[in-house]
Amino acid sequence: RGRRIGFIPQDPYLALNPVFTVGAQ
């Protein structure tokens, strides 16, 4: 998971944590 198989989730508005920068995530 995350290494040999990548995953693109459905909802771009829910998949990222709003309290951390994109770079940190």
PDB file of all heavy atoms in Angstrom:
ATOM      1  N   ARG A   1       0.825  -1.208   0.000  1.00  0.00           N
ATOM      2  CA  ARG A   1       0.000   0.000   0.000  1.00  0.00           C
ATOM      3  C   ARG A   1       0.863   1.263   0.000  1.00  0.00           C
ATOM      4  O   ARG A   1       1.732   1.424   0.844  1.00  0.00           O
ATOM      5  CB  ARG A   1      -0.916   0.024   1.235  1.00  0.00           C
ATOM      6  CG  ARG A   1      -2.058  -0.950   1.199  1.00  0.00           C
ATOM      7  CD  ARG A   1      -3.078  -0.642   2.286  1.00  0.00           C
ATOM      8  NE  ARG A   1      -2.538  -0.785   3.620  1.00  0.00           N
ATOM      9  CZ  ARG A   1      -2.789  -1.812   4.426  1.00  0.00           C
ATOM     10  NH1 ARG A   1      -3.568  -2.797   4.023  1.00  0.00           N
ATOM     11  NH2 ARG A   1      -2.275  -1.860   5.636  1.00  0.00           N
ATOM     12  N   GLY A   2       0.589   2.143  -0.946  1.00  0.00           N
ATOM     13  CA  GLY A   2       1.311   3.411  -1.009  1.00  0.00           C
ATOM     14  C   GLY A   2       2.674   3.305  -1.648  1.00  0.00           C
ATOM     15  O   GLY A   2       3.224   4.314  -2.087  1.00  0.00           O
ATOM     16  N   ARG A   3       3.228   2.109  -1.691  1.00  0.00           N
ATOM     17  CA  ARG A   3       4.560   1.933  -2.250  1.00  0.00           C
ATOM     18  C   ARG A   3       4.496   1.309  -3.638  1.00  0.00           C
ATOM     19  O   ARG A   3       4.927   1.913  -4.616  1.00  0.00           O
ATOM     20  CB  ARG A   3       5.419   1.071  -1.327  1.00  0.00           C
ATOM     21  CG  ARG A   3       6.865   0.921  -1.810  1.00  0.00           C
ATOM     22  CD  ARG A   3       7.741   0.355  -0.726  1.00  0.00           C
ATOM     23  NE  ARG A   3       9.145   0.357  -1.129  1.00  0.00           N
ATOM     24  CZ  ARG A   3      10.152   0.065  -0.335  1.00  0.00           C
ATOM     25  NH1 ARG A   3       9.918  -0.239   0.932  1.00  0.00           N
ATOM     26  NH2 ARG A   3      11.391   0.080  -0.776  1.00  0.00           N
ATOM     27  N   ARG A   4       3.953   0.110  -3.748  1.00  0.00           N
ATOM     28  CA  ARG A   4       3.841  -0.551  -5.052  1.00  0.00           C
ATOM     29  C   ARG A   4       2.453  -0.383  -5.655  1.00  0.00           C
ATOM     30  O   ARG A   4       2.271  -0.554  -6.858  1.00  0.00           O
ATOM     31  CB  ARG A   4       4.195  -2.027  -4.916  1.00  0.00           C
ATOM     32  CG  ARG A   4       5.660  -2.243  -4.520  1.00  0.00           C
ATOM     33  CD  ARG A   4       5.960  -3.687  -4.240  1.00  0.00           C
ATOM     34  NE  ARG A   4       5.724  -4.525  -5.409  1.00  0.00           N
ATOM     35  CZ  ARG A   4       5.621  -5.852  -5.355  1.00  0.00           C
ATOM     36  NH1 ARG A   4       5.712  -6.484  -4.194  1.00  0.00           N
ATOM     37  NH2 ARG A   4       5.405  -6.538  -6.464  1.00  0.00           N
ATOM     38  N   ILE A   5       1.465  -0.091  -4.821  1.00  0.00           N
ATOM     39  CA  ILE A   5       0.113   0.219  -5.303  1.00  0.00           C
ATOM     40  C   ILE A   5      -0.270   1.597  -4.795  1.00  0.00           C
ATOM     41  O   ILE A   5      -0.343   1.829  -3.582  1.00  0.00           O
ATOM     42  CB  ILE A   5      -0.928  -0.812  -4.823  1.00  0.00           C
ATOM     43  CG1 ILE A   5      -0.580  -2.214  -5.334  1.00  0.00           C
ATOM     44  CG2 ILE A   5      -2.327  -0.406  -5.305  1.00  0.00           C
ATOM     45  CD1 ILE A   5      -1.568  -3.285  -4.892  1.00  0.00           C
ATOM     46  N   GLY A   6      -0.494   2.531  -5.711  1.00  0.00           N
ATOM     47  CA  GLY A   6      -0.949   3.861  -5.354  1.00  0.00           C
ATOM     48  C   GLY A   6      -2.465   3.940  -5.440  1.00  0.00           C
ATOM     49  O   GLY A   6      -3.102   3.169  -6.167  1.00  0.00           O
ATOM     50  N   PHE A   7      -3.047   4.884  -4.708  1.00  0.00           N
ATOM     51  CA  PHE A   7      -4.514   4.998  -4.651  1.00  0.00           C
ATOM     52  C   PHE A   7      -4.934   6.446  -4.814  1.00  0.00           C
ATOM     53  O   PHE A   7      -4.419   7.338  -4.137  1.00  0.00           O
ATOM     54  CB  PHE A   7      -5.019   4.447  -3.319  1.00  0.00           C
ATOM     55  CG  PHE A   7      -6.512   4.593  -3.133  1.00  0.00           C
ATOM     56  CD1 PHE A   7      -7.394   3.987  -4.018  1.00  0.00           C
ATOM     57  CD2 PHE A   7      -7.013   5.326  -2.072  1.00  0.00           C
ATOM     58  CE1 PHE A   7      -8.770   4.121  -3.846  1.00  0.00           C
ATOM     59  CE2 PHE A   7      -8.388   5.469  -1.898  1.00  0.00           C
ATOM     60  CZ  PHE A   7      -9.262   4.857  -2.787  1.00  0.00           C
ATOM     61  N   ILE A   8      -5.878   6.672  -5.735  1.00  0.00           N
ATOM     62  CA  ILE A   8      -6.475   7.995  -5.937  1.00  0.00           C
ATOM     63  C   ILE A   8      -7.918   7.923  -5.464  1.00  0.00           C
ATOM     64  O   ILE A   8      -8.743   7.249  -6.087  1.00  0.00           O
ATOM     65  CB  ILE A   8      -6.434   8.418  -7.415  1.00  0.00           C
ATOM     66  CG1 ILE A   8      -5.013   8.341  -7.971  1.00  0.00           C
ATOM     67  CG2 ILE A   8      -6.994   9.836  -7.578  1.00  0.00           C
ATOM     68  CD1 ILE A   8      -4.943   8.557  -9.480  1.00  0.00           C
ATOM     69  N   PRO A   9      -8.268   8.570  -4.357  1.00  0.00           N
ATOM     70  CA  PRO A   9      -9.635   8.472  -3.828  1.00  0.00           C
ATOM     71  C   PRO A   9     -10.627   9.299  -4.629  1.00  0.00           C
ATOM     72  O   PRO A   9     -10.261  10.098  -5.494  1.00  0.00           O
ATOM     73  CB  PRO A   9      -9.492   8.991  -2.395  1.00  0.00           C
ATOM     74  CG  PRO A   9      -8.321   9.915  -2.453  1.00  0.00           C
ATOM     75  CD  PRO A   9      -7.388   9.360  -3.488  1.00  0.00           C
ATOM     76  N   GLN A  10     -11.890   9.114  -4.279  1.00  0.00           N
ATOM     77  CA  GLN A  10     -12.981   9.690  -5.056  1.00  0.00           C
ATOM     78  C   GLN A  10     -13.140  11.188  -4.846  1.00  0.00           C
ATOM     79  O   GLN A  10     -13.325  11.925  -5.814  1.00  0.00           O
ATOM     80  CB  GLN A  10     -14.286   8.971  -4.684  1.00  0.00           C
ATOM     81  CG  GLN A  10     -15.504   9.472  -5.418  1.00  0.00           C
ATOM     82  CD  GLN A  10     -16.755   8.684  -5.057  1.00  0.00           C
ATOM     83  OE1 GLN A  10     -17.786   9.243  -4.716  1.00  0.00           O
ATOM     84  NE2 GLN A  10     -16.662   7.381  -5.125  1.00  0.00           N
ATOM     85  N   ASP A  11     -13.123  11.643  -3.608  1.00  0.00           N
ATOM     86  CA  ASP A  11     -13.495  13.026  -3.311  1.00  0.00           C
ATOM     87  C   ASP A  11     -12.269  13.861  -2.953  1.00  0.00           C
ATOM     88  O   ASP A  11     -11.701  13.697  -1.869  1.00  0.00           O
ATOM     89  CB  ASP A  11     -14.501  13.054  -2.150  1.00  0.00           C
ATOM     90  CG  ASP A  11     -15.178  14.406  -2.009  1.00  0.00           C
ATOM     91  OD1 ASP A  11     -14.584  15.422  -2.420  1.00  0.00           O
ATOM     92  OD2 ASP A  11     -16.310  14.453  -1.499  1.00  0.00           O
ATOM     93  N   PRO A  12     -11.864  14.767  -3.828  1.00  0.00           N
ATOM     94  CA  PRO A  12     -10.671  15.578  -3.535  1.00  0.00           C
ATOM     95  C   PRO A  12     -10.884  16.556  -2.390  1.00  0.00           C
ATOM     96  O   PRO A  12      -9.921  17.081  -1.836  1.00  0.00           O
ATOM     97  CB  PRO A  12     -10.421  16.320  -4.852  1.00  0.00           C
ATOM     98  CG  PRO A  12     -11.758  16.394  -5.509  1.00  0.00           C
ATOM     99  CD  PRO A  12     -12.456  15.115  -5.130  1.00  0.00           C
ATOM    100  N   TYR A  13     -12.155  16.798  -2.010  1.00  0.00           N
ATOM    101  CA  TYR A  13     -12.431  17.747  -0.935  1.00  0.00           C
ATOM    102  C   TYR A  13     -12.330  17.103   0.446  1.00  0.00           C
ATOM    103  O   TYR A  13     -12.187  17.791   1.455  1.00  0.00           O
ATOM    104  CB  TYR A  13     -13.821  18.360  -1.116  1.00  0.00           C
ATOM    105  CG  TYR A  13     -13.892  19.268  -2.326  1.00  0.00           C
ATOM    106  CD1 TYR A  13     -14.333  18.774  -3.542  1.00  0.00           C
ATOM    107  CD2 TYR A  13     -13.491  20.592  -2.260  1.00  0.00           C
ATOM    108  CE1 TYR A  13     -14.383  19.590  -4.666  1.00  0.00           C
ATOM    109  CE2 TYR A  13     -13.532  21.419  -3.371  1.00  0.00           C
ATOM    110  CZ  TYR A  13     -13.978  20.906  -4.572  1.00  0.00           C
ATOM    111  OH  TYR A  13     -14.014  21.705  -5.679  1.00  0.00           O
ATOM    112  N   LEU A  14     -12.430  15.766   0.513  1.00  0.00           N
ATOM    113  CA  LEU A  14     -12.385  15.072   1.797  1.00  0.00           C
ATOM    114  C   LEU A  14     -11.069  14.343   2.043  1.00  0.00           C
ATOM    115  O   LEU A  14     -10.773  13.976   3.173  1.00  0.00           O
ATOM    116  CB  LEU A  14     -13.539  14.070   1.887  1.00  0.00           C
ATOM    117  CG  LEU A  14     -14.958  14.644   1.837  1.00  0.00           C
ATOM    118  CD1 LEU A  14     -15.984  13.514   1.895  1.00  0.00           C
ATOM    119  CD2 LEU A  14     -15.193  15.625   2.986  1.00  0.00           C
ATOM    120  N   ALA A  15     -10.299  14.114   0.992  1.00  0.00           N
ATOM    121  CA  ALA A  15      -9.129  13.241   1.110  1.00  0.00           C
ATOM    122  C   ALA A  15      -7.915  13.924   1.735  1.00  0.00           C
ATOM    123  O   ALA A  15      -6.989  13.238   2.178  1.00  0.00           O
ATOM    124  CB  ALA A  15      -8.753  12.697  -0.265  1.00  0.00           C
ATOM    125  N   LEU A  16      -7.894  15.262   1.769  1.00  0.00           N
ATOM    126  CA  LEU A  16      -6.751  15.983   2.328  1.00  0.00           C
ATOM    127  C   LEU A  16      -7.137  16.609   3.662  1.00  0.00           C
ATOM    128  O   LEU A  16      -8.238  17.143   3.820  1.00  0.00           O
ATOM    129  CB  LEU A  16      -6.282  17.069   1.358  1.00  0.00           C
ATOM    130  CG  LEU A  16      -5.682  16.563   0.040  1.00  0.00           C
ATOM    131  CD1 LEU A  16      -5.562  17.697  -0.965  1.00  0.00           C
ATOM    132  CD2 LEU A  16      -4.326  15.911   0.279  1.00  0.00           C
ATOM    133  N   ASN A  17      -6.235  16.531   4.621  1.00  0.00           N
ATOM    134  CA  ASN A  17      -6.472  17.085   5.953  1.00  0.00           C
ATOM    135  C   ASN A  17      -6.350  18.611   5.901  1.00  0.00           C
ATOM    136  O   ASN A  17      -5.300  19.132   5.504  1.00  0.00           O
ATOM    137  CB  ASN A  17      -5.460  16.509   6.941  1.00  0.00           C
ATOM    138  CG  ASN A  17      -5.818  16.812   8.380  1.00  0.00           C
ATOM    139  OD1 ASN A  17      -6.258  17.908   8.714  1.00  0.00           O
ATOM    140  ND2 ASN A  17      -5.619  15.830   9.250  1.00  0.00           N
ATOM    141  N   PRO A  18      -7.396  19.340   6.299  1.00  0.00           N
ATOM    142  CA  PRO A  18      -7.374  20.802   6.137  1.00  0.00           C
ATOM    143  C   PRO A  18      -6.409  21.534   7.074  1.00  0.00           C
ATOM    144  O   PRO A  18      -6.103  22.709   6.835  1.00  0.00           O
ATOM    145  CB  PRO A  18      -8.823  21.207   6.440  1.00  0.00           C
ATOM    146  CG  PRO A  18      -9.343  20.126   7.331  1.00  0.00           C
ATOM    147  CD  PRO A  18      -8.682  18.873   6.857  1.00  0.00           C
ATOM    148  N   VAL A  19      -5.916  20.882   8.128  1.00  0.00           N
ATOM    149  CA  VAL A  19      -5.097  21.598   9.115  1.00  0.00           C
ATOM    150  C   VAL A  19      -3.596  21.464   8.866  1.00  0.00           C
ATOM    151  O   VAL A  19      -2.798  22.070   9.587  1.00  0.00           O
ATOM    152  CB  VAL A  19      -5.434  21.132  10.553  1.00  0.00           C
ATOM    153  CG1 VAL A  19      -6.902  21.337  10.843  1.00  0.00           C
ATOM    154  CG2 VAL A  19      -5.038  19.684  10.777  1.00  0.00           C
ATOM    155  N   PHE A  20      -3.207  20.669   7.859  1.00  0.00           N
ATOM    156  CA  PHE A  20      -1.792  20.515   7.538  1.00  0.00           C
ATOM    157  C   PHE A  20      -1.533  21.007   6.112  1.00  0.00           C
ATOM    158  O   PHE A  20      -2.397  20.909   5.241  1.00  0.00           O
ATOM    159  CB  PHE A  20      -1.350  19.055   7.656  1.00  0.00           C
ATOM    160  CG  PHE A  20      -1.415  18.513   9.048  1.00  0.00           C
ATOM    161  CD1 PHE A  20      -2.460  17.696   9.440  1.00  0.00           C
ATOM    162  CD2 PHE A  20      -0.429  18.829   9.971  1.00  0.00           C
ATOM    163  CE1 PHE A  20      -2.525  17.193  10.729  1.00  0.00           C
ATOM    164  CE2 PHE A  20      -0.486  18.328  11.259  1.00  0.00           C
ATOM    165  CZ  PHE A  20      -1.540  17.514  11.648  1.00  0.00           C
ATOM    166  N   THR A  21      -0.332  21.503   5.875  1.00  0.00           N
ATOM    167  CA  THR A  21       0.021  21.920   4.530  1.00  0.00           C
ATOM    168  C   THR A  21       0.073  20.704   3.604  1.00  0.00           C
ATOM    169  O   THR A  21       0.248  19.560   4.044  1.00  0.00           O
ATOM    170  CB  THR A  21       1.390  22.620   4.489  1.00  0.00           C
ATOM    171  OG1 THR A  21       2.401  21.681   4.853  1.00  0.00           O
ATOM    172  CG2 THR A  21       1.416  23.824   5.406  1.00  0.00           C
ATOM    173  N   VAL A  22      -0.065  20.978   2.324  1.00  0.00           N
ATOM    174  CA  VAL A  22       0.036  19.920   1.328  1.00  0.00           C
ATOM    175  C   VAL A  22       1.403  19.246   1.404  1.00  0.00           C
ATOM    176  O   VAL A  22       1.523  18.019   1.343  1.00  0.00           O
ATOM    177  CB  VAL A  22      -0.212  20.500  -0.076  1.00  0.00           C
ATOM    178  CG1 VAL A  22       0.261  19.540  -1.154  1.00  0.00           C
ATOM    179  CG2 VAL A  22      -1.682  20.833  -0.257  1.00  0.00           C
ATOM    180  N   GLY A  23       2.446  20.050   1.585  1.00  0.00           N
ATOM    181  CA  GLY A  23       3.787  19.492   1.656  1.00  0.00           C
ATOM    182  C   GLY A  23       3.957  18.535   2.820  1.00  0.00           C
ATOM    183  O   GLY A  23       4.581  17.478   2.682  1.00  0.00           O
ATOM    184  N   ALA A  24       3.396  18.896   3.986  1.00  0.00           N
ATOM    185  CA  ALA A  24       3.508  18.029   5.161  1.00  0.00           C
ATOM    186  C   ALA A  24       2.813  16.691   4.917  1.00  0.00           C
ATOM    187  O   ALA A  24       3.320  15.629   5.303  1.00  0.00           O
ATOM    188  CB  ALA A  24       2.912  18.723   6.376  1.00  0.00           C
ATOM    189  N   GLN A  25       1.664  16.732   4.248  1.00  0.00           N
ATOM    190  CA  GLN A  25       0.919  15.500   4.003  1.00  0.00           C
ATOM    191  C   GLN A  25       1.607  14.611   2.969  1.00  0.00           C
ATOM    192  O   GLN A  25       1.689  13.393   3.128  1.00  0.00           O
ATOM    193  CB  GLN A  25      -0.506  15.839   3.572  1.00  0.00           C
ATOM    194  CG  GLN A  25      -1.283  16.545   4.676  1.00  0.00           C
ATOM    195  CD  GLN A  25      -2.700  16.876   4.284  1.00  0.00           C
ATOM    196  OE1 GLN A  25      -3.512  15.994   4.031  1.00  0.00           O
ATOM    197  NE2 GLN A  25      -3.015  18.171   4.249  1.00  0.00           N
TER     198      GLN A  25
END
